[in-house]
Amino acid sequence: MDTRTLGILIATIGLALLVLGALVAIGAFSWFGRLPGDIRIETGNTRVYIPITTMVLLSIGLSLLAAIFRRFQ
């Protein structure tokens, strides 16, 4: 990988992180961790979150991204 390609890759990743941060800041991911199947237990001072469905969807999405990147290499 040459220097120009690496620079473009770093700039693209930075832009994607900036967009993701803006979406989080405006509340576009308020559903994250509150899907049906996510377990939330709140009693007194104790809070336990087990986001099963959210993590399954995240895993599927990341697996699809990895497969797409592998295909184009």
N, C-alpha and C. Protein backbone atom coordinates (compact mmCIF):
# COMPACT_ATOMS: atom_id res chain seq x y z
N MET A 1 0.86 -1.16 0.00
CA MET A 1 0.00 0.00 0.00
C MET A 1 0.91 1.23 0.00
N ASP A 2 0.67 2.10 -0.96
CA ASP A 2 1.51 3.29 -1.02
C ASP A 2 0.98 4.38 -0.09
N THR A 3 1.73 5.44 0.03
CA THR A 3 1.43 6.51 0.98
C THR A 3 0.12 7.22 0.64
N ARG A 4 -0.13 7.43 -0.63
CA ARG A 4 -1.36 8.12 -1.05
C ARG A 4 -2.59 7.31 -0.67
N THR A 5 -2.56 6.02 -0.93
CA THR A 5 -3.69 5.15 -0.60
C THR A 5 -3.93 5.11 0.90
N LEU A 6 -2.86 5.05 1.66
CA LEU A 6 -2.97 5.05 3.11
C LEU A 6 -3.57 6.36 3.62
N GLY A 7 -3.17 7.46 3.04
CA GLY A 7 -3.71 8.76 3.43
C GLY A 7 -5.20 8.86 3.14
N ILE A 8 -5.62 8.39 1.99
CA ILE A 8 -7.04 8.40 1.64
C ILE A 8 -7.82 7.49 2.58
N LEU A 9 -7.27 6.35 2.92
CA LEU A 9 -7.94 5.42 3.84
C LEU A 9 -8.11 6.05 5.21
N ILE A 10 -7.08 6.68 5.73
CA ILE A 10 -7.16 7.33 7.05
C ILE A 10 -8.17 8.47 7.03
N ALA A 11 -8.18 9.27 5.95
CA ALA A 11 -9.14 10.37 5.84
C ALA A 11 -10.57 9.85 5.77
N THR A 12 -10.79 8.75 5.05
CA THR A 12 -12.12 8.16 4.94
C THR A 12 -12.60 7.63 6.28
N ILE A 13 -11.72 6.95 7.00
CA ILE A 13 -12.08 6.43 8.32
C ILE A 13 -12.39 7.59 9.27
N GLY A 14 -11.62 8.65 9.21
CA GLY A 14 -11.86 9.83 10.04
C GLY A 14 -13.21 10.47 9.73
N LEU A 15 -13.55 10.59 8.45
CA LEU A 15 -14.83 11.16 8.05
C LEU A 15 -15.98 10.28 8.52
N ALA A 16 -15.83 8.96 8.40
CA ALA A 16 -16.86 8.04 8.86
C ALA A 16 -17.06 8.16 10.37
N LEU A 17 -15.98 8.29 11.13
CA LEU A 17 -16.09 8.46 12.57
C LEU A 17 -16.75 9.79 12.93
N LEU A 18 -16.47 10.83 12.16
CA LEU A 18 -17.09 12.13 12.38
C LEU A 18 -18.61 12.05 12.16
N VAL A 19 -19.02 11.40 11.08
CA VAL A 19 -20.45 11.24 10.79
C VAL A 19 -21.11 10.38 11.88
N LEU A 20 -20.47 9.30 12.28
CA LEU A 20 -21.01 8.45 13.34
C LEU A 20 -21.14 9.22 14.65
N GLY A 21 -20.15 10.01 14.99
CA GLY A 21 -20.21 10.82 16.20
C GLY A 21 -21.34 11.84 16.15
N ALA A 22 -21.57 12.45 14.99
CA ALA A 22 -22.67 13.41 14.85
C ALA A 22 -24.02 12.71 15.01
N LEU A 23 -24.15 11.52 14.44
CA LEU A 23 -25.40 10.76 14.58
C LEU A 23 -25.66 10.39 16.03
N VAL A 24 -24.62 10.00 16.75
CA VAL A 24 -24.77 9.67 18.17
C VAL A 24 -25.16 10.91 18.96
N ALA A 25 -24.57 12.05 18.62
CA ALA A 25 -24.84 13.29 19.35
C ALA A 25 -26.28 13.76 19.17
N ILE A 26 -26.87 13.54 18.00
CA ILE A 26 -28.25 13.99 17.78
C ILE A 26 -29.27 12.94 18.21
N GLY A 27 -28.81 11.79 18.65
CA GLY A 27 -29.72 10.77 19.19
C GLY A 27 -30.24 9.78 18.18
N ALA A 28 -29.56 9.61 17.06
CA ALA A 28 -30.01 8.68 16.03
C ALA A 28 -29.89 7.22 16.47
N PHE A 29 -29.11 6.97 17.50
CA PHE A 29 -28.92 5.59 17.97
C PHE A 29 -29.54 5.38 19.35
N SER A 30 -30.63 6.07 19.63
CA SER A 30 -31.27 5.93 20.94
C SER A 30 -31.90 4.55 21.11
N TRP A 31 -32.17 3.86 20.02
CA TRP A 31 -32.72 2.50 20.06
C TRP A 31 -31.67 1.47 20.46
N PHE A 32 -30.40 1.82 20.33
CA PHE A 32 -29.30 0.89 20.57
C PHE A 32 -29.33 0.42 22.03
N GLY A 33 -29.52 -0.87 22.24
CA GLY A 33 -29.58 -1.43 23.58
C GLY A 33 -30.99 -1.52 24.13
N ARG A 34 -31.99 -1.13 23.33
CA ARG A 34 -33.37 -1.17 23.79
C ARG A 34 -34.26 -1.97 22.84
N LEU A 35 -33.69 -2.90 22.13
CA LEU A 35 -34.46 -3.73 21.21
C LEU A 35 -35.16 -4.86 21.94
N PRO A 36 -36.23 -5.41 21.34
CA PRO A 36 -36.84 -6.59 21.94
C PRO A 36 -35.81 -7.73 22.00
N GLY A 37 -35.69 -8.35 23.12
CA GLY A 37 -34.69 -9.40 23.29
C GLY A 37 -33.49 -8.94 24.12
N ASP A 38 -33.33 -7.63 24.25
CA ASP A 38 -32.29 -7.09 25.13
C ASP A 38 -32.81 -7.16 26.56
N ILE A 39 -31.98 -7.64 27.45
CA ILE A 39 -32.40 -7.83 28.84
C ILE A 39 -31.91 -6.64 29.66
N ARG A 40 -32.85 -6.04 30.39
CA ARG A 40 -32.53 -4.91 31.26
C ARG A 40 -33.15 -5.16 32.62
N ILE A 41 -32.30 -5.24 33.65
CA ILE A 41 -32.77 -5.48 35.01
C ILE A 41 -32.35 -4.28 35.86
N GLU A 42 -33.33 -3.62 36.46
CA GLU A 42 -33.05 -2.46 37.31
C GLU A 42 -33.75 -2.66 38.65
N THR A 43 -32.96 -2.83 39.69
CA THR A 43 -33.52 -2.97 41.04
C THR A 43 -32.70 -2.11 41.99
N GLY A 44 -33.34 -1.17 42.63
CA GLY A 44 -32.64 -0.32 43.59
C GLY A 44 -31.48 0.40 42.95
N ASN A 45 -30.28 0.16 43.45
CA ASN A 45 -29.07 0.80 42.92
C ASN A 45 -28.35 -0.05 41.89
N THR A 46 -28.92 -1.20 41.54
CA THR A 46 -28.26 -2.12 40.62
C THR A 46 -28.92 -2.07 39.25
N ARG A 47 -28.10 -1.94 38.22
CA ARG A 47 -28.58 -1.97 36.85
C ARG A 47 -27.74 -2.96 36.06
N VAL A 48 -28.41 -3.88 35.39
CA VAL A 48 -27.72 -4.89 34.58
C VAL A 48 -28.31 -4.84 33.17
N TYR A 49 -27.46 -4.65 32.17
CA TYR A 49 -27.87 -4.63 30.78
C TYR A 49 -27.21 -5.79 30.05
N ILE A 50 -28.02 -6.58 29.37
CA ILE A 50 -27.50 -7.68 28.55
C ILE A 50 -28.12 -7.51 27.16
N PRO A 51 -27.45 -6.77 26.27
CA PRO A 51 -28.03 -6.43 24.97
C PRO A 51 -27.85 -7.55 23.93
N ILE A 52 -28.55 -8.66 24.10
CA ILE A 52 -28.38 -9.82 23.24
C ILE A 52 -28.74 -9.51 21.79
N THR A 53 -29.94 -9.00 21.55
CA THR A 53 -30.39 -8.73 20.19
C THR A 53 -29.52 -7.67 19.52
N THR A 54 -29.19 -6.63 20.24
CA THR A 54 -28.35 -5.57 19.70
C THR A 54 -27.00 -6.13 19.26
N MET A 55 -26.39 -6.98 20.08
CA MET A 55 -25.08 -7.53 19.73
C MET A 55 -25.16 -8.51 18.56
N VAL A 56 -26.25 -9.25 18.45
CA VAL A 56 -26.42 -10.15 17.30
C VAL A 56 -26.52 -9.32 16.02
N LEU A 57 -27.32 -8.25 16.03
CA LEU A 57 -27.44 -7.40 14.85
C LEU A 57 -26.12 -6.71 14.51
N LEU A 58 -25.40 -6.26 15.52
CA LEU A 58 -24.10 -5.65 15.30
C LEU A 58 -23.11 -6.65 14.71
N SER A 59 -23.14 -7.87 15.19
CA SER A 59 -22.26 -8.92 14.67
C SER A 59 -22.57 -9.23 13.21
N ILE A 60 -23.85 -9.31 12.88
CA ILE A 60 -24.24 -9.58 11.49
C ILE A 60 -23.79 -8.44 10.59
N GLY A 61 -24.00 -7.21 11.03
CA GLY A 61 -23.58 -6.06 10.24
C GLY A 61 -22.08 -6.01 10.01
N LEU A 62 -21.31 -6.25 11.06
CA LEU A 62 -19.85 -6.23 10.92
C LEU A 62 -19.35 -7.40 10.07
N SER A 63 -20.02 -8.55 10.16
CA SER A 63 -19.66 -9.69 9.32
C SER A 63 -19.92 -9.39 7.84
N LEU A 64 -21.04 -8.72 7.56
CA LEU A 64 -21.33 -8.33 6.18
C LEU A 64 -20.31 -7.33 5.65
N LEU A 65 -19.93 -6.36 6.47
CA LEU A 65 -18.90 -5.40 6.06
C LEU A 65 -17.57 -6.09 5.79
N ALA A 66 -17.19 -7.03 6.65
CA ALA A 66 -15.94 -7.76 6.47
C ALA A 66 -15.98 -8.58 5.18
N ALA A 67 -17.12 -9.20 4.89
CA ALA A 67 -17.25 -9.99 3.66
C ALA A 67 -17.15 -9.10 2.43
N ILE A 68 -17.74 -7.91 2.49
CA ILE A 68 -17.67 -6.98 1.36
C ILE A 68 -16.24 -6.51 1.14
N PHE A 69 -15.53 -6.17 2.23
CA PHE A 69 -14.13 -5.73 2.10
C PHE A 69 -13.24 -6.86 1.59
N ARG A 70 -13.48 -8.08 2.04
CA ARG A 70 -12.70 -9.23 1.57
C ARG A 70 -12.91 -9.47 0.09
N ARG A 71 -14.14 -9.27 -0.38
CA ARG A 71 -14.46 -9.54 -1.78
C ARG A 71 -13.73 -8.56 -2.71
N PHE A 72 -13.54 -7.33 -2.27
CA PHE A 72 -12.92 -6.32 -3.12
C PHE A 72 -11.40 -6.25 -2.99
N GLN A 73 -10.80 -7.14 -2.25
CA GLN A 73 -9.33 -7.13 -2.15
C GLN A 73 -8.72 -8.08 -3.12
